[in-house]
Amino acid sequence: MAKTRATVSTSKLIASVGNQINEVLAEKKLSIPKKIVKDIIQGFLETIEENISNGKKLRLDRIGILQVKNRAARMGRNPQTGEEIKIPASKKIAFRAAKSLKEQVTGNRATAKKKKKK
């Protein structure tokens, strides 16, 4: 049986961010309505979409890098018939996780440092 993982939906993200903001603002007896938090996060996500679709590289501190990469055209095989087929060039979205995120997820800290060459 496969282990299922919880998915964080946009609404859960909005609630979580709203709670964190309101905890900080509670000291000043202020709060932000959930609707405003939703608009902020939706704007953030739209900005990410816009930049990625325009081919820009997006670096999110402590998260990683999102970018569009080009795949070259290549020859492949139909697995049922063995016939060679041409696979056209295409684009893909690539994500490279930040070192700190990788370490947090895997629990491994890079302790070995490269020795300087003399």
Protein backbone atom coordinates (compact mmCIF):
# COMPACT_ATOMS: atom_id res chain seq x y z
CA MET A 1 0.00 0.00 0.00
CA ALA A 2 1.44 3.34 -1.09
CA LYS A 3 1.97 6.03 1.48
CA THR A 4 -0.32 8.98 0.78
CA ARG A 5 0.91 12.49 1.27
CA ALA A 6 -1.23 15.44 2.22
CA THR A 7 -1.66 18.10 -0.43
CA VAL A 8 -1.69 21.72 0.62
CA SER A 9 -4.38 23.46 -1.41
CA THR A 10 -4.39 27.17 -2.20
CA SER A 11 -7.14 27.72 0.37
CA LYS A 12 -5.05 25.97 3.06
CA LEU A 13 -2.04 28.07 2.06
CA ILE A 14 -4.12 31.24 2.32
CA ALA A 15 -5.39 30.23 5.77
CA SER A 16 -1.90 29.39 7.00
CA VAL A 17 -0.31 32.60 5.72
CA GLY A 18 -3.24 34.62 7.08
CA ASN A 19 -2.82 33.04 10.51
CA GLN A 20 0.92 33.77 10.53
CA ILE A 21 0.37 37.40 9.51
CA ASN A 22 -2.36 37.88 12.08
CA GLU A 23 -0.19 36.38 14.85
CA VAL A 24 2.44 39.02 14.13
CA LEU A 25 -0.15 41.79 13.92
CA ALA A 26 -1.95 40.65 17.10
CA GLU A 27 0.74 42.35 19.17
CA LYS A 28 -0.39 45.66 17.66
CA LYS A 29 -4.06 44.69 17.93
CA LEU A 30 -4.43 44.55 14.15
CA SER A 31 -5.51 41.85 11.72
CA ILE A 32 -5.92 41.30 7.99
CA PRO A 33 -9.11 39.82 6.55
CA LYS A 34 -8.78 36.46 4.80
CA LYS A 35 -10.00 38.09 1.55
CA ILE A 36 -6.98 40.41 1.45
CA VAL A 37 -4.58 37.53 2.17
CA LYS A 38 -6.26 35.58 -0.66
CA ASP A 39 -5.79 38.52 -3.06
CA ILE A 40 -2.11 38.82 -2.09
CA ILE A 41 -1.40 35.12 -2.61
CA GLN A 42 -3.38 35.01 -5.88
CA GLY A 43 -1.37 38.01 -7.10
CA PHE A 44 1.86 36.28 -6.10
CA LEU A 45 0.89 33.11 -7.99
CA GLU A 46 -0.18 35.10 -11.07
CA THR A 47 3.17 36.89 -11.05
CA ILE A 48 4.98 33.54 -10.96
CA GLU A 49 2.87 32.23 -13.87
CA GLU A 50 3.47 35.38 -15.91
CA ASN A 51 7.23 35.33 -15.43
CA ILE A 52 7.60 31.62 -16.13
CA SER A 53 5.39 31.79 -19.25
CA ASN A 54 7.56 34.67 -20.52
CA GLY A 55 10.62 32.44 -20.22
CA LYS A 56 12.14 34.14 -17.18
CA LYS A 57 14.02 32.26 -14.49
CA LEU A 58 12.38 32.67 -11.08
CA ARG A 59 14.49 32.33 -7.94
CA LEU A 60 12.54 31.90 -4.70
CA ASP A 61 14.79 32.20 -1.66
CA ARG A 62 14.91 29.03 0.48
CA ILE A 63 12.64 27.25 -2.05
CA GLY A 64 14.50 26.94 -5.35
CA ILE A 65 14.54 27.98 -8.99
CA LEU A 66 11.73 27.61 -11.53
CA GLN A 67 12.60 28.00 -15.19
CA VAL A 68 11.59 26.98 -18.69
CA LYS A 69 13.98 24.63 -20.46
CA ASN A 70 13.96 23.65 -24.11
CA ARG A 71 13.94 20.00 -25.09
CA ALA A 72 15.63 19.24 -28.38
CA ALA A 73 13.90 17.20 -31.07
CA ARG A 74 14.94 13.56 -30.98
CA MET A 75 14.20 10.14 -32.33
CA GLY A 76 12.25 7.68 -30.20
CA ARG A 77 10.57 4.31 -30.57
CA ASN A 78 6.98 3.23 -30.35
CA PRO A 79 7.20 0.58 -27.58
CA GLN A 80 4.42 -1.54 -29.13
CA THR A 81 5.66 -1.67 -32.72
CA GLY A 82 9.33 -0.76 -32.37
CA GLU A 83 8.83 1.80 -35.14
CA GLU A 84 11.08 4.85 -34.96
CA ILE A 85 9.25 8.13 -34.52
CA LYS A 86 10.40 11.71 -34.45
CA ILE A 87 9.68 13.48 -31.18
CA PRO A 88 9.42 17.23 -31.81
CA ALA A 89 11.22 19.90 -29.82
CA SER A 90 9.26 21.14 -26.82
CA LYS A 91 9.52 23.15 -23.63
CA LYS A 92 9.30 21.97 -20.03
CA ILE A 93 9.17 23.63 -16.64
CA ALA A 94 12.13 22.68 -14.50
CA PHE A 95 12.48 23.10 -10.74
CA ARG A 96 15.76 22.93 -8.87
CA ALA A 97 15.36 22.88 -5.10
CA ALA A 98 17.48 25.16 -2.93
CA LYS A 99 20.20 23.52 -0.87
CA SER A 100 18.55 24.52 2.41
CA LEU A 101 15.22 22.98 1.32
CA LYS A 102 16.92 19.74 0.25
CA GLU A 103 18.70 19.52 3.59
CA GLN A 104 15.48 20.16 5.51
CA VAL A 105 13.55 17.51 3.57
CA THR A 106 16.25 14.84 3.65
CA GLY A 107 17.58 15.64 7.10
CA ASN A 108 21.15 15.64 5.76
CA ARG A 109 23.49 18.50 6.42
CA ALA A 110 26.45 18.90 4.11
CA THR A 111 29.27 18.78 6.64
CA ALA A 112 32.08 17.79 4.32
CA LYS A 113 33.73 20.89 2.94
CA LYS A 114 35.95 20.80 -0.09
CA LYS A 115 39.60 21.12 0.74
CA LYS A 116 41.34 24.12 -0.74
CA LYS A 117 44.00 23.33 -3.29
CA LYS A 118 47.37 24.91 -2.59
